[in-house]
C-alpha atoms as a PDB file:
ATOM      1  CA  UNK A   1     248.838  16.340 190.054  1.00  0.00           C
ATOM      2  CA  UNK A   2     246.554  18.969 188.531  1.00  0.00           C
ATOM      3  CA  UNK A   3     243.052  18.389 187.295  1.00  0.00           C
ATOM      4  CA  UNK A   4     242.929  16.569 183.968  1.00  0.00           C
ATOM      5  CA  UNK A   5     241.982  18.898 181.133  1.00  0.00           C
ATOM      6  CA  UNK A   6     239.012  17.768 179.046  1.00  0.00           C
ATOM      7  CA  UNK A   7     238.457  18.196 175.323  1.00  0.00           C
ATOM      8  CA  UNK A   8     234.834  17.510 174.404  1.00  0.00           C
ATOM      9  CA  UNK A   9     234.447  16.189 170.868  1.00  0.00           C
ATOM     10  CA  UNK A  10     231.591  17.391 168.679  1.00  0.00           C
ATOM     11  CA  UNK A  11     231.414  15.281 165.529  1.00  0.00           C
ATOM     12  CA  UNK A  12     229.184  12.959 163.500  1.00  0.00           C
ATOM     13  CA  UNK A  13     228.736   9.780 165.517  1.00  0.00           C
ATOM     14  CA  UNK A  14     226.351   7.704 163.451  1.00  0.00           C
ATOM     15  CA  UNK A  15     227.177   6.725 159.857  1.00  0.00           C
ATOM     16  CA  UNK A  16     226.710   9.587 157.390  1.00  0.00           C
ATOM     17  CA  UNK A  17     225.400   9.405 153.836  1.00  0.00           C
ATOM     18  CA  UNK A  18     228.233   9.092 151.321  1.00  0.00           C
ATOM     19  CA  UNK A  19     230.733   7.745 153.860  1.00  0.00           C
ATOM     20  CA  UNK A  20     231.756   4.158 154.540  1.00  0.00           C
ATOM     21  CA  UNK A  21     230.255   2.425 157.552  1.00  0.00           C
ATOM     22  CA  UNK A  22     232.231   3.237 160.687  1.00  0.00           C
ATOM     23  CA  UNK A  23     234.155   6.051 158.976  1.00  0.00           C
ATOM     24  CA  UNK A  24     233.774   8.613 161.746  1.00  0.00           C
ATOM     25  CA  UNK A  25     234.588   6.069 164.425  1.00  0.00           C
ATOM     26  CA  UNK A  26     237.911   5.627 162.645  1.00  0.00           C
ATOM     27  CA  UNK A  27     238.390   9.393 162.449  1.00  0.00           C
ATOM     28  CA  UNK A  28     237.820   9.589 166.193  1.00  0.00           C
ATOM     29  CA  UNK A  29     240.084   6.666 167.066  1.00  0.00           C
ATOM     30  CA  UNK A  30     242.995   7.271 164.704  1.00  0.00           C
ATOM     31  CA  UNK A  31     243.035  11.060 164.340  1.00  0.00           C
ATOM     32  CA  UNK A  32     241.156  12.917 167.049  1.00  0.00           C
ATOM     33  CA  UNK A  33     242.020  10.867 170.134  1.00  0.00           C
ATOM     34  CA  UNK A  34     245.794  10.855 169.441  1.00  0.00           C
ATOM     35  CA  UNK A  35     245.749  14.596 168.710  1.00  0.00           C
ATOM     36  CA  UNK A  36     243.926  15.390 171.959  1.00  0.00           C
ATOM     37  CA  UNK A  37     246.177  13.172 174.048  1.00  0.00           C
ATOM     38  CA  UNK A  38     249.299  14.629 172.463  1.00  0.00           C
ATOM     39  CA  UNK A  39     248.039  18.095 173.370  1.00  0.00           C
ATOM     40  CA  UNK A  40     247.457  17.012 176.975  1.00  0.00           C
ATOM     41  CA  UNK A  41     243.673  16.705 176.917  1.00  0.00           C
ATOM     42  CA  UNK A  42     241.349  13.823 177.746  1.00  0.00           C
ATOM     43  CA  UNK A  43     239.018  13.366 174.740  1.00  0.00           C
ATOM     44  CA  UNK A  44     235.354  12.740 175.568  1.00  0.00           C
ATOM     45  CA  UNK A  45     232.636  12.190 172.979  1.00  0.00           C
ATOM     46  CA  UNK A  46     228.845  12.226 173.442  1.00  0.00           C
ATOM     47  CA  UNK A  47     228.524   8.460 173.084  1.00  0.00           C
ATOM     48  CA  UNK A  48     231.113   8.023 175.847  1.00  0.00           C
ATOM     49  CA  UNK A  49     228.722   9.999 178.044  1.00  0.00           C
ATOM     50  CA  UNK A  50     225.768   7.808 177.115  1.00  0.00           C
ATOM     51  CA  UNK A  51     227.637   4.697 178.184  1.00  0.00           C
ATOM     52  CA  UNK A  52     228.037   6.199 181.638  1.00  0.00           C
ATOM     53  CA  UNK A  53     224.349   7.167 181.854  1.00  0.00           C
ATOM     54  CA  UNK A  54     224.831  10.904 181.471  1.00  0.00           C
ATOM     55  CA  UNK A  55     221.595  12.783 180.870  1.00  0.00           C
ATOM     56  CA  UNK A  56     221.083  15.246 178.047  1.00  0.00           C
ATOM     57  CA  UNK A  57     221.565  18.207 180.365  1.00  0.00           C
ATOM     58  CA  UNK A  58     224.973  16.828 181.311  1.00  0.00           C
ATOM     59  CA  UNK A  59     225.902  16.687 177.634  1.00  0.00           C
ATOM     60  CA  UNK A  60     225.051  20.381 177.330  1.00  0.00           C
ATOM     61  CA  UNK A  61     227.112  21.037 180.429  1.00  0.00           C
ATOM     62  CA  UNK A  62     230.041  19.209 178.840  1.00  0.00           C
ATOM     63  CA  UNK A  63     229.738  21.378 175.728  1.00  0.00           C
ATOM     64  CA  UNK A  64     229.849  24.505 177.886  1.00  0.00           C
ATOM     65  CA  UNK A  65     232.190  23.531 180.704  1.00  0.00           C
ATOM     66  CA  UNK A  66     234.924  21.504 178.992  1.00  0.00           C
ATOM     67  CA  UNK A  67     238.334  23.169 178.868  1.00  0.00           C
ATOM     68  CA  UNK A  68     238.197  23.099 175.088  1.00  0.00           C
ATOM     69  CA  UNK A  69     236.000  21.662 172.339  1.00  0.00           C
ATOM     70  CA  UNK A  70     237.115  20.052 169.087  1.00  0.00           C
ATOM     71  CA  UNK A  71     234.413  20.187 166.409  1.00  0.00           C
ATOM     72  CA  UNK A  72     234.572  18.097 163.229  1.00  0.00           C
ATOM     73  CA  UNK A  73     232.419  19.842 160.621  1.00  0.00           C
ATOM     74  CA  UNK A  74     232.694  17.014 158.092  1.00  0.00           C
ATOM     75  CA  UNK A  75     229.424  16.162 156.313  1.00  0.00           C
ATOM     76  CA  UNK A  76     227.914  19.349 157.795  1.00  0.00           C
ATOM     77  CA  UNK A  77     225.956  17.275 160.283  1.00  0.00           C
ATOM     78  CA  UNK A  78     223.029  19.356 161.709  1.00  0.00           C
ATOM     79  CA  UNK A  79     223.577  18.131 165.264  1.00  0.00           C
ATOM     80  CA  UNK A  80     227.231  19.117 165.083  1.00  0.00           C
ATOM     81  CA  UNK A  81     226.257  22.593 163.912  1.00  0.00           C
ATOM     82  CA  UNK A  82     223.713  22.921 166.709  1.00  0.00           C
ATOM     83  CA  UNK A  83     226.169  21.847 169.412  1.00  0.00           C
ATOM     84  CA  UNK A  84     228.866  24.105 167.981  1.00  0.00           C
ATOM     85  CA  UNK A  85     226.350  26.951 168.067  1.00  0.00           C
ATOM     86  CA  UNK A  86     225.837  26.391 171.793  1.00  0.00           C
ATOM     87  CA  UNK A  87     229.571  26.520 172.433  1.00  0.00           C
ATOM     88  CA  UNK A  88     230.069  29.614 170.291  1.00  0.00           C
ATOM     89  CA  UNK A  89     227.112  31.423 171.818  1.00  0.00           C
ATOM     90  CA  UNK A  90     229.141  31.516 175.031  1.00  0.00           C
ATOM     91  CA  UNK A  91     232.358  32.402 173.184  1.00  0.00           C
ATOM     92  CA  UNK A  92     234.142  29.314 174.483  1.00  0.00           C
ATOM     93  CA  UNK A  93     237.457  28.125 173.062  1.00  0.00           C
ATOM     94  CA  UNK A  94     236.974  25.754 170.139  1.00  0.00           C
ATOM     95  CA  UNK A  95     239.179  24.138 167.498  1.00  0.00           C
ATOM     96  CA  UNK A  96     237.570  23.344 164.141  1.00  0.00           C
ATOM     97  CA  UNK A  97     238.469  20.556 161.706  1.00  0.00           C
ATOM     98  CA  UNK A  98     236.843  19.025 158.616  1.00  0.00           C
ATOM     99  CA  UNK A  99     237.682  16.539 155.897  1.00  0.00           C
ATOM    100  CA  UNK A 100     238.806  17.614 152.440  1.00  0.00           C
ATOM    101  CA  UNK A 101     235.521  16.668 150.760  1.00  0.00           C
ATOM    102  CA  UNK A 102     233.421  19.027 152.899  1.00  0.00           C
ATOM    103  CA  UNK A 103     233.156  22.632 151.762  1.00  0.00           C
ATOM    104  CA  UNK A 104     233.605  25.432 154.239  1.00  0.00           C
ATOM    105  CA  UNK A 105     230.617  26.451 156.325  1.00  0.00           C
ATOM    106  CA  UNK A 106     229.640  29.949 155.238  1.00  0.00           C
ATOM    107  CA  UNK A 107     228.672  31.324 158.655  1.00  0.00           C
ATOM    108  CA  UNK A 108     232.025  30.413 160.230  1.00  0.00           C
ATOM    109  CA  UNK A 109     234.355  30.521 157.242  1.00  0.00           C
ATOM    110  CA  UNK A 110     236.259  33.362 158.886  1.00  0.00           C
ATOM    111  CA  UNK A 111     237.429  31.031 161.651  1.00  0.00           C
ATOM    112  CA  UNK A 112     240.506  28.837 161.286  1.00  0.00           C
ATOM    113  CA  UNK A 113     239.669  25.281 160.223  1.00  0.00           C
ATOM    114  CA  UNK A 114     242.139  22.423 159.763  1.00  0.00           C
ATOM    115  CA  UNK A 115     241.448  20.145 156.808  1.00  0.00           C
ATOM    116  CA  UNK A 116     242.323  16.440 156.934  1.00  0.00           C
ATOM    117  CA  UNK A 117     242.374  13.762 154.230  1.00  0.00           C
ATOM    118  CA  UNK A 118     239.150  11.776 154.166  1.00  0.00           C
ATOM    119  CA  UNK A 119     241.097   8.648 153.157  1.00  0.00           C
ATOM    120  CA  UNK A 120     242.933   8.671 156.520  1.00  0.00           C
ATOM    121  CA  UNK A 121     246.219   7.666 154.867  1.00  0.00           C
ATOM    122  CA  UNK A 122     248.748   6.937 157.582  1.00  0.00           C
ATOM    123  CA  UNK A 123     251.245   9.546 156.372  1.00  0.00           C
ATOM    124  CA  UNK A 124     248.529  12.188 156.208  1.00  0.00           C
ATOM    125  CA  UNK A 125     247.098  11.190 159.583  1.00  0.00           C
ATOM    126  CA  UNK A 126     250.427  11.545 161.388  1.00  0.00           C
ATOM    127  CA  UNK A 127     250.912  15.019 159.948  1.00  0.00           C
ATOM    128  CA  UNK A 128     247.389  16.122 160.857  1.00  0.00           C
ATOM    129  CA  UNK A 129     247.679  14.730 164.387  1.00  0.00           C
ATOM    130  CA  UNK A 130     250.537  17.166 164.946  1.00  0.00           C
ATOM    131  CA  UNK A 131     248.641  20.062 163.366  1.00  0.00           C
ATOM    132  CA  UNK A 132     245.464  19.445 165.364  1.00  0.00           C
ATOM    133  CA  UNK A 133     247.438  18.932 168.567  1.00  0.00           C
ATOM    134  CA  UNK A 134     249.266  22.228 168.078  1.00  0.00           C
ATOM    135  CA  UNK A 135     246.003  24.008 167.264  1.00  0.00           C
ATOM    136  CA  UNK A 136     244.411  22.685 170.461  1.00  0.00           C
ATOM    137  CA  UNK A 137     247.317  23.920 172.566  1.00  0.00           C
ATOM    138  CA  UNK A 138     247.422  27.296 170.833  1.00  0.00           C
ATOM    139  CA  UNK A 139     243.676  27.781 171.212  1.00  0.00           C
ATOM    140  CA  UNK A 140     243.707  26.739 174.865  1.00  0.00           C
ATOM    141  CA  UNK A 141     246.530  29.120 175.773  1.00  0.00           C
ATOM    142  CA  UNK A 142     245.254  32.021 173.654  1.00  0.00           C
ATOM    143  CA  UNK A 143     244.131  35.154 175.449  1.00  0.00           C
ATOM    144  CA  UNK A 144     240.507  36.156 175.895  1.00  0.00           C
ATOM    145  CA  UNK A 145     240.913  38.738 173.143  1.00  0.00           C
ATOM    146  CA  UNK A 146     241.601  36.017 170.580  1.00  0.00           C
ATOM    147  CA  UNK A 147     238.736  35.222 168.196  1.00  0.00           C
ATOM    148  CA  UNK A 148     236.960  32.032 169.268  1.00  0.00           C
ATOM    149  CA  UNK A 149     233.614  32.595 167.607  1.00  0.00           C
ATOM    150  CA  UNK A 150     231.587  34.685 165.204  1.00  0.00           C
ATOM    151  CA  UNK A 151     230.443  36.695 168.231  1.00  0.00           C
ATOM    152  CA  UNK A 152     233.840  38.350 168.467  1.00  0.00           C
ATOM    153  CA  UNK A 153     233.906  39.044 164.740  1.00  0.00           C
ATOM    154  CA  UNK A 154     230.578  40.853 165.139  1.00  0.00           C
ATOM    155  CA  UNK A 155     231.418  42.357 168.559  1.00  0.00           C
ATOM    156  CA  UNK A 156     228.374  40.690 170.109  1.00  0.00           C
ATOM    157  CA  UNK A 157     228.297  40.117 173.854  1.00  0.00           C
ATOM    158  CA  UNK A 158     228.460  36.359 174.586  1.00  0.00           C
ATOM    159  CA  UNK A 159     225.717  34.574 176.474  1.00  0.00           C
ATOM    160  CA  UNK A 160     226.078  33.666 180.152  1.00  0.00           C
ATOM    161  CA  UNK A 161     224.435  31.051 182.326  1.00  0.00           C
ATOM    162  CA  UNK A 162     223.829  30.523 186.059  1.00  0.00           C
ATOM    163  CA  UNK A 163     225.401  27.813 188.175  1.00  0.00           C
ATOM    164  CA  UNK A 164     222.072  25.991 188.453  1.00  0.00           C
ATOM    165  CA  UNK A 165     219.535  25.301 185.722  1.00  0.00           C
ATOM    166  CA  UNK A 166     216.257  27.164 186.044  1.00  0.00           C
ATOM    167  CA  UNK A 167     213.335  27.211 183.667  1.00  0.00           C
ATOM    168  CA  UNK A 168     211.898  30.388 182.190  1.00  0.00           C
ATOM    169  CA  UNK A 169     209.266  31.279 179.633  1.00  0.00           C
ATOM    170  CA  UNK A 170     211.806  30.476 176.915  1.00  0.00           C
ATOM    171  CA  UNK A 171     212.460  26.985 178.296  1.00  0.00           C
ATOM    172  CA  UNK A 172     210.358  25.269 175.634  1.00  0.00           C
ATOM    173  CA  UNK A 173     212.940  26.290 173.041  1.00  0.00           C
ATOM    174  CA  UNK A 174     215.686  24.726 175.113  1.00  0.00           C
ATOM    175  CA  UNK A 175     213.680  21.564 175.747  1.00  0.00           C
ATOM    176  CA  UNK A 176     212.966  21.132 172.050  1.00  0.00           C
ATOM    177  CA  UNK A 177     216.671  21.442 171.341  1.00  0.00           C
ATOM    178  CA  UNK A 178     217.485  18.900 174.047  1.00  0.00           C
ATOM    179  CA  UNK A 179     214.937  16.575 172.511  1.00  0.00           C
ATOM    180  CA  UNK A 180     216.825  16.621 169.221  1.00  0.00           C
ATOM    181  CA  UNK A 181     220.106  15.765 170.906  1.00  0.00           C
ATOM    182  CA  UNK A 182     218.462  13.066 172.981  1.00  0.00           C
ATOM    183  CA  UNK A 183     216.986  11.439 169.877  1.00  0.00           C
ATOM    184  CA  UNK A 184     220.446  11.258 168.373  1.00  0.00           C
ATOM    185  CA  UNK A 185     221.924   9.725 171.515  1.00  0.00           C
ATOM    186  CA  UNK A 186     219.116   7.190 171.691  1.00  0.00           C
ATOM    187  CA  UNK A 187     219.955   6.085 168.151  1.00  0.00           C
ATOM    188  CA  UNK A 188     223.540   5.596 169.290  1.00  0.00           C
ATOM    189  CA  UNK A 189     222.382   3.361 172.111  1.00  0.00           C
ATOM    190  CA  UNK A 190     220.318   1.377 169.642  1.00  0.00           C
ATOM    191  CA  UNK A 191     217.204   1.380 171.751  1.00  0.00           C
ATOM    192  CA  UNK A 192     214.262   3.570 172.714  1.00  0.00           C
ATOM    193  CA  UNK A 193     213.608   4.747 176.271  1.00  0.00           C
ATOM    194  CA  UNK A 194     211.281   2.581 178.256  1.00  0.00           C
ATOM    195  CA  UNK A 195     208.642   5.274 178.402  1.00  0.00           C
ATOM    196  CA  UNK A 196     208.828   6.508 174.796  1.00  0.00           C
ATOM    197  CA  UNK A 197     205.534   6.390 172.944  1.00  0.00           C
ATOM    198  CA  UNK A 198     205.374   8.590 169.840  1.00  0.00           C
ATOM    199  CA  UNK A 199     207.444  11.022 167.801  1.00  0.00           C
ATOM    200  CA  UNK A 200     205.594  13.890 169.482  1.00  0.00           C
ATOM    201  CA  UNK A 201     207.589  13.752 172.718  1.00  0.00           C
ATOM    202  CA  UNK A 202     204.903  11.787 174.546  1.00  0.00           C
ATOM    203  CA  UNK A 203     206.062   9.441 177.289  1.00  0.00           C
ATOM    204  CA  UNK A 204     204.150   6.745 179.133  1.00  0.00           C
ATOM    205  CA  UNK A 205     204.672   6.730 182.896  1.00  0.00           C
ATOM    206  CA  UNK A 206     202.709   4.413 185.172  1.00  0.00           C
ATOM    207  CA  UNK A 207     200.372   3.693 182.268  1.00  0.00           C
ATOM    208  CA  UNK A 208     199.622   7.361 181.548  1.00  0.00           C
ATOM    209  CA  UNK A 209     200.809   9.627 178.743  1.00  0.00           C
ATOM    210  CA  UNK A 210     202.855  12.732 179.538  1.00  0.00           C
ATOM    211  CA  UNK A 211     204.028  15.516 177.260  1.00  0.00           C
ATOM    212  CA  UNK A 212     206.837  17.995 177.903  1.00  0.00           C
ATOM    213  CA  UNK A 213     205.680  20.653 180.352  1.00  0.00           C
ATOM    214  CA  UNK A 214     202.636  18.693 181.557  1.00  0.00           C
ATOM    215  CA  UNK A 215     201.800  18.811 185.267  1.00  0.00           C
ATOM    216  CA  UNK A 216     202.532  15.710 187.354  1.00  0.00           C
ATOM    217  CA  UNK A 217     200.602  14.904 190.530  1.00  0.00           C
ATOM    218  CA  UNK A 218     201.186  12.627 193.526  1.00  0.00           C
ATOM    219  CA  UNK A 219     198.204  10.277 193.826  1.00  0.00           C
ATOM    220  CA  UNK A 220     199.209   9.347 197.376  1.00  0.00           C
ATOM    221  CA  UNK A 221     199.132  12.821 198.904  1.00  0.00           C
ATOM    222  CA  UNK A 222     195.775  14.316 197.984  1.00  0.00           C
ATOM    223  CA  UNK A 223     197.028  14.748 194.433  1.00  0.00           C
ATOM    224  CA  UNK A 224     199.463  17.459 195.367  1.00  0.00           C
ATOM    225  CA  UNK A 225     201.336  18.954 192.426  1.00  0.00           C
ATOM    226  CA  UNK A 226     204.814  17.513 191.915  1.00  0.00           C
ATOM    227  CA  UNK A 227     205.851  19.757 189.050  1.00  0.00           C
ATOM    228  CA  UNK A 228     206.042  19.968 185.274  1.00  0.00           C
ATOM    229  CA  UNK A 229     207.364  16.942 183.411  1.00  0.00           C
ATOM    230  CA  UNK A 230     210.626  17.543 181.522  1.00  0.00           C
ATOM    231  CA  UNK A 231     212.223  14.263 180.522  1.00  0.00           C
ATOM    232  CA  UNK A 232     212.797  10.583 181.225  1.00  0.00           C
ATOM    233  CA  UNK A 233     216.304   9.166 181.239  1.00  0.00           C
ATOM    234  CA  UNK A 234     216.325   5.443 181.956  1.00  0.00           C
ATOM    235  CA  UNK A 235     214.572   5.049 185.311  1.00  0.00           C
ATOM    236  CA  UNK A 236     214.849   8.720 186.292  1.00  0.00           C
ATOM    237  CA  UNK A 237     212.100  11.290 185.715  1.00  0.00           C
ATOM    238  CA  UNK A 238     213.068  14.974 185.533  1.00  0.00           C
ATOM    239  CA  UNK A 239     210.661  17.794 186.337  1.00  0.00           C
ATOM    240  CA  UNK A 240     210.593  21.464 187.330  1.00  0.00           C
ATOM    241  CA  UNK A 241     209.102  22.455 190.668  1.00  0.00           C
ATOM    242  CA  UNK A 242     207.104  25.603 191.448  1.00  0.00           C
ATOM    243  CA  UNK A 243     210.361  27.550 191.788  1.00  0.00           C
ATOM    244  CA  UNK A 244     211.392  26.561 188.255  1.00  0.00           C
ATOM    245  CA  UNK A 245     214.237  24.395 189.534  1.00  0.00           C
ATOM    246  CA  UNK A 246     214.967  21.089 187.801  1.00  0.00           C
ATOM    247  CA  UNK A 247     214.665  18.048 190.076  1.00  0.00           C
ATOM    248  CA  UNK A 248     214.476  14.287 189.602  1.00  0.00           C
ATOM    249  CA  UNK A 249     212.668  11.210 190.932  1.00  0.00           C
ATOM    250  CA  UNK A 250     214.115   7.723 190.514  1.00  0.00           C
ATOM    251  CA  UNK A 251     212.237   4.440 190.703  1.00  0.00           C
ATOM    252  CA  UNK A 252     213.421   3.802 194.267  1.00  0.00           C
ATOM    253  CA  UNK A 253     211.450   6.824 195.452  1.00  0.00           C
ATOM    254  CA  UNK A 254     207.943   5.959 196.734  1.00  0.00           C
ATOM    255  CA  UNK A 255     206.523   8.894 194.786  1.00  0.00           C
ATOM    256  CA  UNK A 256     207.685   7.321 191.527  1.00  0.00           C
ATOM    257  CA  UNK A 257     204.873   4.747 191.412  1.00  0.00           C
ATOM    258  CA  UNK A 258     202.292   7.372 192.453  1.00  0.00           C
ATOM    259  CA  UNK A 259     202.946   9.835 189.630  1.00  0.00           C
ATOM    260  CA  UNK A 260     199.760  10.612 187.728  1.00  0.00           C
ATOM    261  CA  UNK A 261     198.548  13.148 185.195  1.00  0.00           C
ATOM    262  CA  UNK A 262     195.089  13.439 186.761  1.00  0.00           C
ATOM    263  CA  UNK A 263     194.606  15.676 189.832  1.00  0.00           C
ATOM    264  CA  UNK A 264     191.578  13.684 191.038  1.00  0.00           C
END
């Protein structure tokens, strides 16, 4: 049996203004999931990843590495647009849908978008399941010369990325973007991270405040530098070492309790 093909779903997850409570959960359950499965893909959504303790970087990886992405542009959710932008920057295959109350997005109006009835009437849903399923299969099997993003319309060379994550001078831009996605996922979970302190990306670790990019030291080894703080996910702390490689320390590691912001 071959490897299961994955369709990562980019869509509003929390309730959106002007829509009934739980509306997009119903869209996912009754429209998107059946369409993906009918097309032969396993649908995965960001909140599915949270439940399995995926970190923000893994979410970005899913956006980039999934066999195909289905993006619901309904309500023009900013996070959806941001995540779609990541996918399109790398010219990856994507199928677009939106409800009939949402106007077309100007920047991508040249790309095919399937409209569905916001009311989710059963007769309409069944018809759209077939249309979305067919679009997923057509997009997946399309050649590389097919238009998947605005990049091809403008003849712009797509971005590329290495097999391992490394930090550069531009990393602050990436980290700020990851922060926005993380905040959304934390709202989905309904709780704040243990170490969260303020809205300014300050985290409390071992009783001390850390900001993104701040140096961390090991108080048990002559205050040797550990690396620059990146993020906290549950009981795992992520940092970049002196070679700009992302690493992690969990609470079972002896160094965990010795992390300090003061080199003396």
